[in-house]
Amino acid sequence: MVDVTSLPKAELHLHIEGTLEPELMFALARRNDVALPFADVEAVRRAYVFSDLQAFLDIYYQACAVLVTEHDFADLAWAYLTRAHAQGVRHAEIFFDPQSHTSRGVAMGTVIGGLGRALARGEDELGITSHLILCFLRHLPEDDAQRTLDEALPYREHLTAVGLDSGERGNPPSKFERVFARARSEGLRAVAHAGEEGPPEYVWEALDLLGAERIDHGVRSMEDADLVARLVREQTPLTVCPFSNVRLRVVDTLADHPLRRMLERGLRVTINSDDPAYFGGYVGDNYQGVRTALGMTDDELVQCARHSFEASFVDDDRLSLLLAELDRAM
């Protein structure tokens, strides 16, 4: 049996703010003299029971208040990278939400500088390559996203792509068509959250209006046969997050998750952890979880790992090395 926890893999759907473990949250709160609405670490963990995506986001954005300095962002990213390395991650494409920080007076350069410092260290010390993906918060107006892009472009060399996240209900991808067109004109790649809580129509919009090259989540695509056919035909990657889908009530239990059916239909699915500090496991834990709950075979899980490398934004040379490492592990 393949050890799927340590199996070489890429992680393509990971919000760095969602890796803020309660212990680090309290350490940063003390460092920056930030008051938290929780008595202790255990009180934080007890709060991690969510009725839907918005219930999670309410706590998620509140916790961001402890991230103030470049040192904080570097510590956050390094903590993720060390955990990811232990779970077989060889390449990570990491989302960050600058609007959650700039709205509090934290400069864009502070956020990107801290994250970039840790990612460079991750490559030097752990052998994990990485890319940064700037996500726009879809519950805010597009004009705010345009200002965020303005602030980010001086740091263009640190960015690989733009994405779209936050509350999906009532915030279709079409709302951000202009800012995505502008980002693509600057040479940035495009991905977007769609088809998590939102309907399959949001996946169509992400593809056709935003030019998304990957769909983050996309599990509700299974409700639309024409959409599934297109995704299979075009081999559009879907960055699926099983534990997240259970914790945010997209599916009732892990045994109900459509991941295996998606793979059987020919969809190019990958397995990811989303916000692991909140959802109970990092990417290797998600692999192990679906193996147990869905009866996924070694071949199916290795296929997901292969998809993760092929769906990444690495160059051809790095891709060849990653696939060769996966083959050796088999």
Protein backbone atom coordinates (compact mmCIF):
# COMPACT_ATOMS: atom_id res chain seq x y z
CA MET A 1 0.00 0.00 0.00
CA VAL A 2 1.31 3.44 -0.98
CA ASP A 3 2.02 5.84 1.88
CA VAL A 4 -0.21 8.63 0.56
CA THR A 5 0.77 11.04 3.34
CA SER A 6 4.39 11.21 2.20
CA LEU A 7 3.61 10.62 -1.50
CA PRO A 8 5.18 13.45 -3.58
CA LYS A 9 2.46 15.94 -4.47
CA ALA A 10 1.69 19.57 -5.19
CA GLU A 11 -0.82 21.62 -3.25
CA LEU A 12 -2.76 24.01 -5.46
CA HIS A 13 -5.58 25.17 -3.16
CA LEU A 14 -4.20 26.53 0.08
CA HIS A 15 -5.05 29.82 1.78
CA ILE A 16 -2.04 30.86 3.82
CA GLU A 17 -4.24 32.71 6.31
CA GLY A 18 -6.11 29.44 6.76
CA THR A 19 -2.97 27.75 8.09
CA LEU A 20 -2.96 29.94 11.21
CA GLU A 21 -2.98 27.34 13.97
CA PRO A 22 -4.41 28.50 17.33
CA GLU A 23 -1.03 28.25 19.06
CA LEU A 24 0.57 30.60 16.53
CA MET A 25 -2.50 32.84 16.65
CA PHE A 26 -1.99 33.39 20.38
CA ALA A 27 1.77 33.83 20.01
CA LEU A 28 1.29 36.55 17.37
CA ALA A 29 -1.47 38.18 19.43
CA ARG A 30 0.96 38.48 22.35
CA ARG A 31 3.74 39.74 20.09
CA ASN A 32 1.53 42.47 18.61
CA ASP A 33 -0.63 43.22 21.66
CA VAL A 34 -3.81 42.20 19.83
CA ALA A 35 -6.84 41.18 21.89
CA LEU A 36 -8.52 37.93 20.85
CA PRO A 37 -12.16 37.02 21.60
CA PHE A 38 -11.05 33.61 22.89
CA ALA A 39 -9.81 32.67 26.34
CA ASP A 40 -7.29 30.08 25.16
CA VAL A 41 -6.28 27.66 22.41
CA GLU A 42 -8.99 25.16 23.29
CA ALA A 43 -11.66 27.87 23.13
CA VAL A 44 -10.49 28.64 19.59
CA ARG A 45 -10.73 25.01 18.56
CA ARG A 46 -14.24 24.73 20.04
CA ALA A 47 -15.29 27.64 17.84
CA TYR A 48 -14.35 25.70 14.70
CA VAL A 49 -17.83 24.31 14.12
CA PHE A 50 -19.29 25.93 11.01
CA SER A 51 -22.80 25.88 9.60
CA ASP A 52 -21.64 27.18 6.21
CA LEU A 53 -18.89 29.10 4.45
CA GLN A 54 -19.84 32.47 5.94
CA ALA A 55 -19.71 31.15 9.51
CA PHE A 56 -16.12 30.08 8.84
CA LEU A 57 -15.20 33.38 7.16
CA ASP A 58 -16.41 35.37 10.16
CA ILE A 59 -13.76 33.71 12.37
CA TYR A 60 -11.15 33.55 9.59
CA TYR A 61 -11.13 37.32 8.99
CA GLN A 62 -11.20 38.03 12.73
CA ALA A 63 -8.08 35.91 13.24
CA CYS A 64 -6.20 37.84 10.54
CA ALA A 65 -5.91 40.75 12.97
CA VAL A 66 -2.87 39.12 14.61
CA LEU A 67 -0.89 39.37 11.34
CA VAL A 68 0.77 42.77 11.44
CA THR A 69 4.48 42.69 10.57
CA GLU A 70 6.59 41.13 7.85
CA HIS A 71 7.94 38.79 10.53
CA ASP A 72 4.38 37.59 11.25
CA PHE A 73 3.71 36.70 7.63
CA ALA A 74 7.08 34.96 7.34
CA ASP A 75 6.38 32.91 10.49
CA LEU A 76 2.93 31.96 9.18
CA ALA A 77 4.22 30.76 5.82
CA TRP A 78 7.19 28.91 7.34
CA ALA A 79 4.91 27.05 9.74
CA TYR A 80 2.82 25.89 6.78
CA LEU A 81 5.83 24.85 4.71
CA THR A 82 7.29 22.68 7.47
CA ARG A 83 3.96 20.87 7.88
CA ALA A 84 3.51 20.54 4.12
CA HIS A 85 7.02 19.12 3.72
CA ALA A 86 6.19 16.40 6.24
CA GLN A 87 3.14 15.51 4.13
CA GLY A 88 4.92 15.09 0.81
CA VAL A 89 4.41 18.56 -0.72
CA ARG A 90 7.10 19.33 -3.29
CA HIS A 91 5.43 22.39 -4.82
CA ALA A 92 2.80 24.75 -3.41
CA GLU A 93 0.71 27.44 -5.08
CA ILE A 94 -0.38 29.59 -2.20
CA PHE A 95 -3.37 31.94 -2.03
CA PHE A 96 -3.21 35.11 0.04
CA ASP A 97 -5.91 37.72 0.72
CA PRO A 98 -4.25 41.14 0.75
CA GLN A 99 -7.53 43.01 1.23
CA SER A 100 -7.87 41.34 4.64
CA HIS A 101 -4.65 43.09 5.63
CA THR A 102 -4.48 46.35 3.69
CA SER A 103 -7.94 47.24 5.04
CA ARG A 104 -6.33 47.18 8.51
CA GLY A 105 -3.44 49.43 7.47
CA VAL A 106 -0.93 46.66 6.73
CA ALA A 107 1.06 47.55 3.61
CA MET A 108 1.04 45.28 0.57
CA GLY A 109 4.84 45.16 0.70
CA THR A 110 4.72 43.90 4.29
CA VAL A 111 2.46 41.00 3.30
CA ILE A 112 4.32 39.99 0.15
CA GLY A 113 7.74 40.62 1.71
CA GLY A 114 7.07 38.31 4.65
CA LEU A 115 5.51 35.57 2.57
CA GLY A 116 8.25 35.80 -0.05
CA ARG A 117 10.98 35.51 2.57
CA ALA A 118 9.52 32.28 3.91
CA LEU A 119 8.92 30.82 0.47
CA ALA A 120 12.52 31.45 -0.54
CA ARG A 121 13.64 29.73 2.65
CA GLY A 122 11.31 26.84 1.89
CA GLU A 123 12.99 26.25 -1.44
CA ASP A 124 16.50 26.55 0.02
CA GLU A 125 15.97 24.40 3.13
CA LEU A 126 13.07 22.08 2.27
CA GLY A 127 13.23 21.80 -1.51
CA ILE A 128 9.63 23.06 -1.87
CA THR A 129 9.11 25.35 -4.84
CA SER A 130 6.18 27.73 -4.64
CA HIS A 131 4.11 30.41 -6.31
CA LEU A 132 1.98 33.18 -4.82
CA ILE A 133 -1.59 33.73 -6.01
CA LEU A 134 -3.23 37.03 -5.05
CA CYS A 135 -6.92 36.49 -4.36
CA PHE A 136 -9.60 39.15 -4.62
CA LEU A 137 -12.36 39.03 -2.00
CA ARG A 138 -15.57 38.57 -3.95
CA HIS A 139 -17.84 40.05 -1.27
CA LEU A 140 -16.14 43.44 -1.85
CA PRO A 141 -16.74 45.67 -4.89
CA GLU A 142 -14.69 45.22 -8.05
CA ASP A 143 -13.30 48.75 -7.62
CA ASP A 144 -11.67 47.54 -4.41
CA ALA A 145 -10.11 44.66 -6.34
CA GLN A 146 -8.81 47.11 -8.93
CA ARG A 147 -7.14 49.19 -6.18
CA THR A 148 -5.66 46.00 -4.74
CA LEU A 149 -4.19 45.12 -8.13
CA ASP A 150 -2.74 48.64 -8.36
CA GLU A 151 -1.02 48.13 -5.00
CA ALA A 152 0.26 44.68 -5.99
CA LEU A 153 1.73 45.44 -9.42
CA PRO A 154 4.94 46.98 -8.03
CA TYR A 155 5.59 43.47 -6.63
CA ARG A 156 4.68 41.76 -9.89
CA GLU A 157 7.82 39.59 -9.88
CA HIS A 158 6.58 37.82 -6.74
CA LEU A 159 3.17 36.93 -8.19
CA THR A 160 2.17 34.12 -10.53
CA ALA A 161 -1.61 34.44 -10.72
CA VAL A 162 -4.75 36.08 -9.41
CA GLY A 163 -7.67 34.23 -7.87
CA LEU A 164 -11.15 34.84 -6.48
CA ASP A 165 -12.34 33.69 -3.06
CA SER A 166 -14.57 34.54 -0.07
CA GLY A 167 -18.37 34.15 0.07
CA GLU A 168 -19.67 32.77 -3.20
CA ARG A 169 -23.40 33.30 -2.70
CA GLY A 170 -24.60 36.37 -4.56
CA ASN A 171 -21.09 37.17 -5.83
CA PRO A 172 -20.77 35.67 -9.33
CA PRO A 173 -17.46 35.66 -11.18
CA SER A 174 -18.95 38.08 -13.73
CA LYS A 175 -18.65 40.80 -11.07
CA PHE A 176 -14.85 40.71 -11.56
CA GLU A 177 -14.53 40.35 -15.33
CA ARG A 178 -12.68 43.66 -15.83
CA VAL A 179 -10.09 43.24 -13.09
CA PHE A 180 -9.27 39.71 -14.25
CA ALA A 181 -8.86 40.96 -17.83
CA ARG A 182 -6.46 43.60 -16.56
CA ALA A 183 -4.50 41.10 -14.46
CA ARG A 184 -4.15 38.77 -17.44
CA SER A 185 -2.92 41.69 -19.56
CA GLU A 186 -0.14 42.10 -16.98
CA GLY A 187 0.91 38.49 -17.59
CA LEU A 188 -0.72 36.98 -14.52
CA ARG A 189 -2.42 33.59 -14.74
CA ALA A 190 -6.01 33.20 -13.53
CA VAL A 191 -7.82 30.77 -11.22
CA ALA A 192 -11.13 31.17 -9.41
CA HIS A 193 -13.25 29.60 -6.69
CA ALA A 194 -16.51 28.44 -8.24
CA GLY A 195 -19.02 25.65 -7.78
CA GLU A 196 -18.49 25.25 -4.03
CA GLU A 197 -21.62 26.90 -2.61
CA GLY A 198 -22.35 28.65 -5.90
CA PRO A 199 -24.15 26.92 -8.79
CA PRO A 200 -22.56 25.34 -11.87
CA GLU A 201 -23.28 28.60 -13.74
CA TYR A 202 -20.50 30.20 -11.70
CA VAL A 203 -18.04 27.66 -13.12
CA TRP A 204 -19.11 28.58 -16.66
CA GLU A 205 -18.58 32.27 -15.83
CA ALA A 206 -15.17 31.63 -14.29
CA LEU A 207 -14.06 29.86 -17.44
CA ASP A 208 -15.64 32.15 -20.04
CA LEU A 209 -15.50 35.58 -18.38
CA LEU A 210 -12.46 35.40 -16.11
CA GLY A 211 -10.30 33.12 -18.25
CA ALA A 212 -9.72 30.82 -15.29
CA GLU A 213 -7.21 28.06 -16.05
CA ARG A 214 -8.16 26.10 -12.92
CA ILE A 215 -11.39 25.91 -10.97
CA ASP A 216 -10.98 25.92 -7.20
CA HIS A 217 -13.47 23.46 -5.67
CA GLY A 218 -15.85 22.91 -8.60
CA VAL A 219 -17.68 20.03 -6.92
CA ARG A 220 -21.11 21.33 -7.97
CA SER A 221 -20.04 20.97 -11.59
CA MET A 222 -21.37 17.43 -11.27
CA GLU A 223 -24.91 18.87 -11.38
CA ASP A 224 -24.44 19.96 -15.02
CA ALA A 225 -23.72 17.22 -17.56
CA ASP A 226 -22.72 19.71 -20.26
CA LEU A 227 -20.27 21.37 -17.91
CA VAL A 228 -18.75 18.03 -16.91
CA ALA A 229 -18.33 17.16 -20.59
CA ARG A 230 -16.55 20.45 -21.21
CA LEU A 231 -14.26 20.11 -18.20
CA VAL A 232 -13.34 16.59 -19.30
CA ARG A 233 -12.83 17.63 -22.92
CA GLU A 234 -10.62 20.60 -21.98
CA GLN A 235 -9.00 18.78 -19.03
CA THR A 236 -9.54 21.82 -16.82
CA PRO A 237 -8.06 21.09 -13.38
CA LEU A 238 -10.34 21.15 -10.33
CA THR A 239 -8.65 21.79 -6.98
CA VAL A 240 -10.91 19.79 -4.68
CA CYS A 241 -10.75 20.09 -0.87
CA PRO A 242 -12.53 17.13 0.76
CA PHE A 243 -12.22 18.01 4.46
CA SER A 244 -13.26 21.59 3.72
CA ASN A 245 -16.36 20.44 1.85
CA VAL A 246 -17.46 18.44 4.88
CA ARG A 247 -16.70 21.10 7.49
CA LEU A 248 -18.51 23.79 5.48
CA ARG A 249 -21.54 21.54 4.83
CA VAL A 250 -21.09 21.28 1.05
CA VAL A 251 -21.46 17.53 1.65
CA ASP A 252 -22.77 15.85 4.79
CA THR A 253 -19.94 13.37 5.33
CA LEU A 254 -16.69 12.42 3.67
CA ALA A 255 -18.35 9.21 2.47
CA ASP A 256 -20.78 11.40 0.48
CA HIS A 257 -18.04 13.31 -1.30
CA PRO A 258 -18.14 13.10 -5.14
CA LEU A 259 -14.34 13.04 -5.54
CA ARG A 260 -14.10 9.43 -6.68
CA ARG A 261 -17.06 9.82 -9.06
CA MET A 262 -15.42 12.94 -10.47
CA LEU A 263 -12.23 11.02 -11.15
CA GLU A 264 -14.19 8.14 -12.72
CA ARG A 265 -15.92 10.61 -15.05
CA GLY A 266 -12.52 11.71 -16.35
CA LEU A 267 -12.29 15.02 -14.52
CA ARG A 268 -8.79 16.27 -13.76
CA VAL A 269 -9.15 16.48 -10.00
CA THR A 270 -6.51 17.26 -7.41
CA ILE A 271 -6.68 16.89 -3.61
CA ASN A 272 -5.91 19.88 -1.38
CA SER A 273 -6.42 21.15 2.16
CA ASP A 274 -7.88 24.68 1.66
CA ASP A 275 -7.70 26.05 5.24
CA PRO A 276 -6.15 23.17 7.19
CA ALA A 277 -5.89 24.88 10.58
CA TYR A 278 -9.68 25.22 10.57
CA PHE A 279 -10.74 22.04 8.78
CA GLY A 280 -8.84 19.35 10.64
CA GLY A 281 -6.04 18.25 8.37
CA TYR A 282 -3.30 19.11 5.89
CA VAL A 283 -3.08 17.77 2.36
CA GLY A 284 -1.68 14.34 3.23
CA ASP A 285 -4.45 13.93 5.80
CA ASN A 286 -6.99 14.66 3.06
CA TYR A 287 -5.45 11.93 0.87
CA GLN A 288 -5.65 9.46 3.74
CA GLY A 289 -9.19 10.54 4.60
CA VAL A 290 -10.61 9.91 1.14
CA ARG A 291 -8.76 6.62 0.89
CA THR A 292 -10.59 5.45 4.00
CA ALA A 293 -14.00 7.04 3.41
CA LEU A 294 -14.31 6.49 -0.35
CA GLY A 295 -12.25 3.34 -0.76
CA MET A 296 -9.97 5.05 -3.25
CA THR A 297 -7.24 2.84 -4.65
CA ASP A 298 -3.52 3.53 -4.70
CA ASP A 299 -3.73 4.08 -8.47
CA GLU A 300 -6.49 6.67 -8.06
CA LEU A 301 -4.62 8.56 -5.37
CA VAL A 302 -1.39 8.51 -7.35
CA GLN A 303 -3.37 9.81 -10.32
CA CYS A 304 -4.52 12.75 -8.18
CA ALA A 305 -0.91 13.44 -7.20
CA ARG A 306 0.13 13.31 -10.86
CA HIS A 307 -2.71 15.71 -11.73
CA SER A 308 -1.47 18.09 -9.04
CA PHE A 309 1.93 18.41 -10.71
CA GLU A 310 0.52 18.59 -14.23
CA ALA A 311 -2.04 21.25 -13.23
CA SER A 312 0.56 23.46 -11.52
CA PHE A 313 2.13 26.55 -13.06
CA VAL A 314 5.71 25.21 -12.89
CA ASP A 315 7.90 25.30 -15.96
CA ASP A 316 8.60 22.19 -18.02
CA ASP A 317 11.95 21.46 -16.40
CA ARG A 318 10.53 21.55 -12.87
CA LEU A 319 7.52 19.50 -13.98
CA SER A 320 9.78 16.79 -15.36
CA LEU A 321 11.68 16.60 -12.08
CA LEU A 322 8.48 16.43 -10.02
CA LEU A 323 6.94 13.68 -12.15
CA ALA A 324 10.18 11.71 -12.06
CA GLU A 325 10.19 11.93 -8.25
CA LEU A 326 6.62 10.65 -8.17
CA ASP A 327 7.55 7.75 -10.44
CA ARG A 328 10.49 6.86 -8.21
CA ALA A 329 8.26 6.89 -5.15
CA MET A 330 6.04 4.33 -6.85
